[in-house]
């Protein structure tokens, strides 16, 4: 009898073999969800578009003061399924008199309503970095790390969570502290 092939780890494909081997061990033992729940104790309290706007603005005000203003920040139910993205940054152009005016919008997948604040912070920082850097290059990731020193760890753990969900797992984080204790780190 042949052993079952290891599940595809599409969210972790770029990581080295020794890291993937550790993930496979956690998957084989059924411990990936438990490990994430132990590391991130609770979910955040950002549940509405208004609360998300305020949360993003608080990070923007402390980390990217001179960047262009945001006209809209919202959770988007279609992002993960339709665009295969977890967040988007767009500029919507509108004609105002004889001028063309661009309004900046950030949309975040609703998946982030029920995650730890660290995951929401990671995607927020990622999308805010696009205000200054368009491409996913070295300067972009340096800006992400400037805004959130643990950016790469949070991104990796988010990828673990997405892998866990992709393989049919679920993590039910208990509700955490109020918003005023989570906005600034």
C-alpha atoms as a PDB file:
ATOM      1  CA  UNK A   1       0.000   0.000   0.000  1.00  0.00           C
ATOM      2  CA  UNK A   2       1.412   3.400  -1.016  1.00  0.00           C
ATOM      3  CA  UNK A   3       1.381   6.260   1.485  1.00  0.00           C
ATOM      4  CA  UNK A   4      -0.907   9.188   0.751  1.00  0.00           C
ATOM      5  CA  UNK A   5       0.867  12.087  -0.950  1.00  0.00           C
ATOM      6  CA  UNK A   6       1.535  15.112   1.240  1.00  0.00           C
ATOM      7  CA  UNK A   7      -1.057  17.874   0.813  1.00  0.00           C
ATOM      8  CA  UNK A   8      -0.106  20.717  -1.484  1.00  0.00           C
ATOM      9  CA  UNK A   9       0.992  23.744   0.461  1.00  0.00           C
ATOM     10  CA  UNK A  10       0.168  26.419  -2.097  1.00  0.00           C
ATOM     11  CA  UNK A  11       0.420  29.282   0.396  1.00  0.00           C
ATOM     12  CA  UNK A  12       3.879  28.119   1.484  1.00  0.00           C
ATOM     13  CA  UNK A  13       5.365  27.098  -1.876  1.00  0.00           C
ATOM     14  CA  UNK A  14       8.218  29.640  -1.756  1.00  0.00           C
ATOM     15  CA  UNK A  15       9.538  28.480   1.625  1.00  0.00           C
ATOM     16  CA  UNK A  16      12.534  26.137   1.964  1.00  0.00           C
ATOM     17  CA  UNK A  17      12.135  22.361   2.267  1.00  0.00           C
ATOM     18  CA  UNK A  18      13.081  22.214   5.961  1.00  0.00           C
ATOM     19  CA  UNK A  19      10.282  24.677   6.811  1.00  0.00           C
ATOM     20  CA  UNK A  20       7.776  22.710   4.737  1.00  0.00           C
ATOM     21  CA  UNK A  21       8.859  19.513   6.502  1.00  0.00           C
ATOM     22  CA  UNK A  22       8.020  21.112   9.863  1.00  0.00           C
ATOM     23  CA  UNK A  23       4.614  22.178   8.533  1.00  0.00           C
ATOM     24  CA  UNK A  24       3.943  18.636   7.283  1.00  0.00           C
ATOM     25  CA  UNK A  25       4.754  17.271  10.747  1.00  0.00           C
ATOM     26  CA  UNK A  26       2.216  19.660  12.301  1.00  0.00           C
ATOM     27  CA  UNK A  27      -0.349  18.671   9.669  1.00  0.00           C
ATOM     28  CA  UNK A  28       0.286  14.946  10.137  1.00  0.00           C
ATOM     29  CA  UNK A  29      -0.175  15.344  13.888  1.00  0.00           C
ATOM     30  CA  UNK A  30      -3.282  17.502  13.427  1.00  0.00           C
ATOM     31  CA  UNK A  31      -1.633  20.271  15.460  1.00  0.00           C
ATOM     32  CA  UNK A  32      -1.432  23.228  13.062  1.00  0.00           C
ATOM     33  CA  UNK A  33      -4.645  24.865  14.289  1.00  0.00           C
ATOM     34  CA  UNK A  34      -3.758  24.231  17.938  1.00  0.00           C
ATOM     35  CA  UNK A  35      -0.298  25.739  17.429  1.00  0.00           C
ATOM     36  CA  UNK A  36      -1.818  28.909  15.930  1.00  0.00           C
ATOM     37  CA  UNK A  37      -4.391  29.134  18.721  1.00  0.00           C
ATOM     38  CA  UNK A  38      -1.629  28.819  21.317  1.00  0.00           C
ATOM     39  CA  UNK A  39       0.494  31.502  19.636  1.00  0.00           C
ATOM     40  CA  UNK A  40      -2.354  33.972  18.962  1.00  0.00           C
ATOM     41  CA  UNK A  41      -4.715  33.858  21.916  1.00  0.00           C
ATOM     42  CA  UNK A  42      -7.735  35.771  20.656  1.00  0.00           C
ATOM     43  CA  UNK A  43      -9.364  37.623  17.788  1.00  0.00           C
ATOM     44  CA  UNK A  44      -9.642  41.378  17.529  1.00  0.00           C
ATOM     45  CA  UNK A  45     -12.669  43.632  17.911  1.00  0.00           C
ATOM     46  CA  UNK A  46     -12.526  45.321  14.460  1.00  0.00           C
ATOM     47  CA  UNK A  47     -15.849  44.145  13.030  1.00  0.00           C
ATOM     48  CA  UNK A  48     -17.304  47.037  11.028  1.00  0.00           C
ATOM     49  CA  UNK A  49     -16.097  49.051   8.058  1.00  0.00           C
ATOM     50  CA  UNK A  50     -16.011  52.160  10.261  1.00  0.00           C
ATOM     51  CA  UNK A  51     -13.878  50.408  12.882  1.00  0.00           C
ATOM     52  CA  UNK A  52     -11.582  49.138  10.105  1.00  0.00           C
ATOM     53  CA  UNK A  53     -11.268  52.648   8.663  1.00  0.00           C
ATOM     54  CA  UNK A  54     -10.338  54.017  12.099  1.00  0.00           C
ATOM     55  CA  UNK A  55      -7.842  51.187  12.675  1.00  0.00           C
ATOM     56  CA  UNK A  56      -6.130  51.714   9.301  1.00  0.00           C
ATOM     57  CA  UNK A  57      -6.082  55.490   9.774  1.00  0.00           C
ATOM     58  CA  UNK A  58      -4.437  55.118  13.195  1.00  0.00           C
ATOM     59  CA  UNK A  59      -1.594  53.082  11.677  1.00  0.00           C
ATOM     60  CA  UNK A  60      -1.327  55.446   8.700  1.00  0.00           C
ATOM     61  CA  UNK A  61      -1.191  58.490  11.003  1.00  0.00           C
ATOM     62  CA  UNK A  62       1.752  57.092  12.966  1.00  0.00           C
ATOM     63  CA  UNK A  63       3.705  55.305  10.228  1.00  0.00           C
ATOM     64  CA  UNK A  64       2.893  57.091   6.925  1.00  0.00           C
ATOM     65  CA  UNK A  65       1.973  60.648   7.887  1.00  0.00           C
ATOM     66  CA  UNK A  66       2.875  62.253   4.565  1.00  0.00           C
ATOM     67  CA  UNK A  67       1.116  59.755   2.306  1.00  0.00           C
ATOM     68  CA  UNK A  68      -1.997  60.409   0.262  1.00  0.00           C
ATOM     69  CA  UNK A  69      -5.301  60.387   2.163  1.00  0.00           C
ATOM     70  CA  UNK A  70      -7.612  57.395   2.067  1.00  0.00           C
ATOM     71  CA  UNK A  71     -11.188  57.990   1.051  1.00  0.00           C
ATOM     72  CA  UNK A  72     -12.466  54.497   1.849  1.00  0.00           C
ATOM     73  CA  UNK A  73     -11.447  51.439   3.838  1.00  0.00           C
ATOM     74  CA  UNK A  74     -13.796  48.464   3.947  1.00  0.00           C
ATOM     75  CA  UNK A  75     -14.121  44.740   4.393  1.00  0.00           C
ATOM     76  CA  UNK A  76     -14.864  42.998   1.081  1.00  0.00           C
ATOM     77  CA  UNK A  77     -16.661  39.644   0.948  1.00  0.00           C
ATOM     78  CA  UNK A  78     -15.544  38.910  -2.626  1.00  0.00           C
ATOM     79  CA  UNK A  79     -11.787  39.377  -2.293  1.00  0.00           C
ATOM     80  CA  UNK A  80     -10.565  35.955  -1.231  1.00  0.00           C
ATOM     81  CA  UNK A  81     -12.823  34.057  -3.612  1.00  0.00           C
ATOM     82  CA  UNK A  82     -12.883  36.288  -6.684  1.00  0.00           C
ATOM     83  CA  UNK A  83      -9.529  38.044  -6.821  1.00  0.00           C
ATOM     84  CA  UNK A  84      -7.406  35.463  -4.973  1.00  0.00           C
ATOM     85  CA  UNK A  85      -6.230  38.373  -2.855  1.00  0.00           C
ATOM     86  CA  UNK A  86      -6.557  39.200   0.812  1.00  0.00           C
ATOM     87  CA  UNK A  87      -6.505  42.943   0.387  1.00  0.00           C
ATOM     88  CA  UNK A  88      -6.426  45.515  -2.372  1.00  0.00           C
ATOM     89  CA  UNK A  89      -5.274  49.076  -2.753  1.00  0.00           C
ATOM     90  CA  UNK A  90      -6.861  51.006  -5.591  1.00  0.00           C
ATOM     91  CA  UNK A  91      -7.002  54.532  -6.898  1.00  0.00           C
ATOM     92  CA  UNK A  92     -10.433  55.458  -8.207  1.00  0.00           C
ATOM     93  CA  UNK A  93     -10.228  58.384 -10.643  1.00  0.00           C
ATOM     94  CA  UNK A  94     -13.040  60.908 -10.811  1.00  0.00           C
ATOM     95  CA  UNK A  95     -13.454  64.057 -12.861  1.00  0.00           C
ATOM     96  CA  UNK A  96     -13.908  67.198 -10.772  1.00  0.00           C
ATOM     97  CA  UNK A  97     -14.348  70.182 -13.049  1.00  0.00           C
ATOM     98  CA  UNK A  98     -11.344  70.284 -15.352  1.00  0.00           C
ATOM     99  CA  UNK A  99      -9.226  68.092 -13.092  1.00  0.00           C
ATOM    100  CA  UNK A 100      -8.896  64.369 -12.661  1.00  0.00           C
ATOM    101  CA  UNK A 101      -8.815  63.453  -8.982  1.00  0.00           C
ATOM    102  CA  UNK A 102      -7.742  60.056  -7.647  1.00  0.00           C
ATOM    103  CA  UNK A 103      -9.230  58.710  -4.432  1.00  0.00           C
ATOM    104  CA  UNK A 104      -7.395  55.930  -2.632  1.00  0.00           C
ATOM    105  CA  UNK A 105      -9.294  52.904  -1.329  1.00  0.00           C
ATOM    106  CA  UNK A 106      -8.215  49.883   0.681  1.00  0.00           C
ATOM    107  CA  UNK A 107     -10.318  46.747   0.798  1.00  0.00           C
ATOM    108  CA  UNK A 108      -9.619  43.867   3.169  1.00  0.00           C
ATOM    109  CA  UNK A 109     -11.035  40.347   2.847  1.00  0.00           C
ATOM    110  CA  UNK A 110     -13.751  39.579   5.401  1.00  0.00           C
ATOM    111  CA  UNK A 111     -11.630  36.592   6.415  1.00  0.00           C
ATOM    112  CA  UNK A 112      -9.768  39.084   8.628  1.00  0.00           C
ATOM    113  CA  UNK A 113     -12.834  39.825  10.768  1.00  0.00           C
ATOM    114  CA  UNK A 114     -12.256  36.618  12.723  1.00  0.00           C
ATOM    115  CA  UNK A 115      -8.475  36.519  13.054  1.00  0.00           C
ATOM    116  CA  UNK A 116      -5.937  37.803  15.568  1.00  0.00           C
ATOM    117  CA  UNK A 117      -5.081  41.495  15.377  1.00  0.00           C
ATOM    118  CA  UNK A 118      -1.589  40.581  14.151  1.00  0.00           C
ATOM    119  CA  UNK A 119      -3.014  39.161  10.904  1.00  0.00           C
ATOM    120  CA  UNK A 120      -5.195  42.235  10.367  1.00  0.00           C
ATOM    121  CA  UNK A 121      -2.198  44.456  11.095  1.00  0.00           C
ATOM    122  CA  UNK A 122      -0.070  42.546   8.570  1.00  0.00           C
ATOM    123  CA  UNK A 123      -2.583  42.977   5.732  1.00  0.00           C
ATOM    124  CA  UNK A 124      -3.189  46.611   6.723  1.00  0.00           C
ATOM    125  CA  UNK A 125       0.532  47.377   6.667  1.00  0.00           C
ATOM    126  CA  UNK A 126       0.841  45.562   3.330  1.00  0.00           C
ATOM    127  CA  UNK A 127      -1.883  47.632   1.699  1.00  0.00           C
ATOM    128  CA  UNK A 128      -0.672  50.890   3.260  1.00  0.00           C
ATOM    129  CA  UNK A 129       2.820  50.217   1.897  1.00  0.00           C
ATOM    130  CA  UNK A 130       1.291  50.311  -1.590  1.00  0.00           C
ATOM    131  CA  UNK A 131       0.561  54.008  -1.045  1.00  0.00           C
ATOM    132  CA  UNK A 132       4.316  54.606  -1.408  1.00  0.00           C
ATOM    133  CA  UNK A 133       5.619  51.517  -3.229  1.00  0.00           C
ATOM    134  CA  UNK A 134       3.629  49.913  -6.053  1.00  0.00           C
ATOM    135  CA  UNK A 135       5.691  46.772  -6.687  1.00  0.00           C
ATOM    136  CA  UNK A 136       6.451  43.925  -4.300  1.00  0.00           C
ATOM    137  CA  UNK A 137      10.168  44.649  -4.307  1.00  0.00           C
ATOM    138  CA  UNK A 138      12.864  45.155  -1.689  1.00  0.00           C
ATOM    139  CA  UNK A 139      11.785  48.743  -0.945  1.00  0.00           C
ATOM    140  CA  UNK A 140       8.190  47.591  -0.483  1.00  0.00           C
ATOM    141  CA  UNK A 141       9.092  44.929   2.082  1.00  0.00           C
ATOM    142  CA  UNK A 142      11.483  47.307   3.871  1.00  0.00           C
ATOM    143  CA  UNK A 143       8.577  49.727   4.274  1.00  0.00           C
ATOM    144  CA  UNK A 144       6.357  46.906   5.560  1.00  0.00           C
ATOM    145  CA  UNK A 145       9.016  45.997   8.133  1.00  0.00           C
ATOM    146  CA  UNK A 146       9.413  49.662   9.085  1.00  0.00           C
ATOM    147  CA  UNK A 147       5.689  49.856   9.837  1.00  0.00           C
ATOM    148  CA  UNK A 148       5.563  46.409  11.483  1.00  0.00           C
ATOM    149  CA  UNK A 149       8.884  44.874  12.580  1.00  0.00           C
ATOM    150  CA  UNK A 150       7.267  41.404  12.844  1.00  0.00           C
ATOM    151  CA  UNK A 151       5.723  41.668   9.365  1.00  0.00           C
ATOM    152  CA  UNK A 152       7.405  38.553   7.937  1.00  0.00           C
ATOM    153  CA  UNK A 153       6.503  36.401  10.942  1.00  0.00           C
ATOM    154  CA  UNK A 154       2.866  37.517  10.799  1.00  0.00           C
ATOM    155  CA  UNK A 155       2.785  36.854   7.055  1.00  0.00           C
ATOM    156  CA  UNK A 156       4.205  33.360   7.543  1.00  0.00           C
ATOM    157  CA  UNK A 157       1.726  32.580  10.322  1.00  0.00           C
ATOM    158  CA  UNK A 158      -1.112  33.908   8.174  1.00  0.00           C
ATOM    159  CA  UNK A 159       0.036  31.557   5.405  1.00  0.00           C
ATOM    160  CA  UNK A 160      -0.061  28.709   7.926  1.00  0.00           C
ATOM    161  CA  UNK A 161      -3.608  29.706   8.857  1.00  0.00           C
ATOM    162  CA  UNK A 162      -4.670  29.839   5.192  1.00  0.00           C
ATOM    163  CA  UNK A 163      -3.143  26.393   4.682  1.00  0.00           C
ATOM    164  CA  UNK A 164      -5.055  25.112   7.695  1.00  0.00           C
ATOM    165  CA  UNK A 165      -8.309  26.538   6.310  1.00  0.00           C
ATOM    166  CA  UNK A 166      -7.563  25.195   2.831  1.00  0.00           C
ATOM    167  CA  UNK A 167      -7.233  21.694   4.256  1.00  0.00           C
ATOM    168  CA  UNK A 168     -10.599  21.931   6.005  1.00  0.00           C
ATOM    169  CA  UNK A 169      -9.417  23.109   9.397  1.00  0.00           C
ATOM    170  CA  UNK A 170     -10.922  25.839  11.532  1.00  0.00           C
ATOM    171  CA  UNK A 171      -9.621  27.968  14.377  1.00  0.00           C
ATOM    172  CA  UNK A 172     -12.129  29.645  16.672  1.00  0.00           C
ATOM    173  CA  UNK A 173     -10.262  32.406  18.415  1.00  0.00           C
ATOM    174  CA  UNK A 174     -12.083  33.769  21.468  1.00  0.00           C
ATOM    175  CA  UNK A 175     -12.905  37.485  21.426  1.00  0.00           C
ATOM    176  CA  UNK A 176     -10.111  39.711  22.596  1.00  0.00           C
ATOM    177  CA  UNK A 177      -9.630  43.127  24.147  1.00  0.00           C
ATOM    178  CA  UNK A 178     -11.319  46.281  22.964  1.00  0.00           C
ATOM    179  CA  UNK A 179     -10.110  48.397  20.030  1.00  0.00           C
ATOM    180  CA  UNK A 180      -8.389  51.110  22.027  1.00  0.00           C
ATOM    181  CA  UNK A 181      -5.773  48.642  23.279  1.00  0.00           C
ATOM    182  CA  UNK A 182      -5.033  47.223  19.827  1.00  0.00           C
ATOM    183  CA  UNK A 183      -4.600  50.117  17.387  1.00  0.00           C
ATOM    184  CA  UNK A 184      -1.063  51.225  18.143  1.00  0.00           C
ATOM    185  CA  UNK A 185       1.713  48.804  18.870  1.00  0.00           C
END
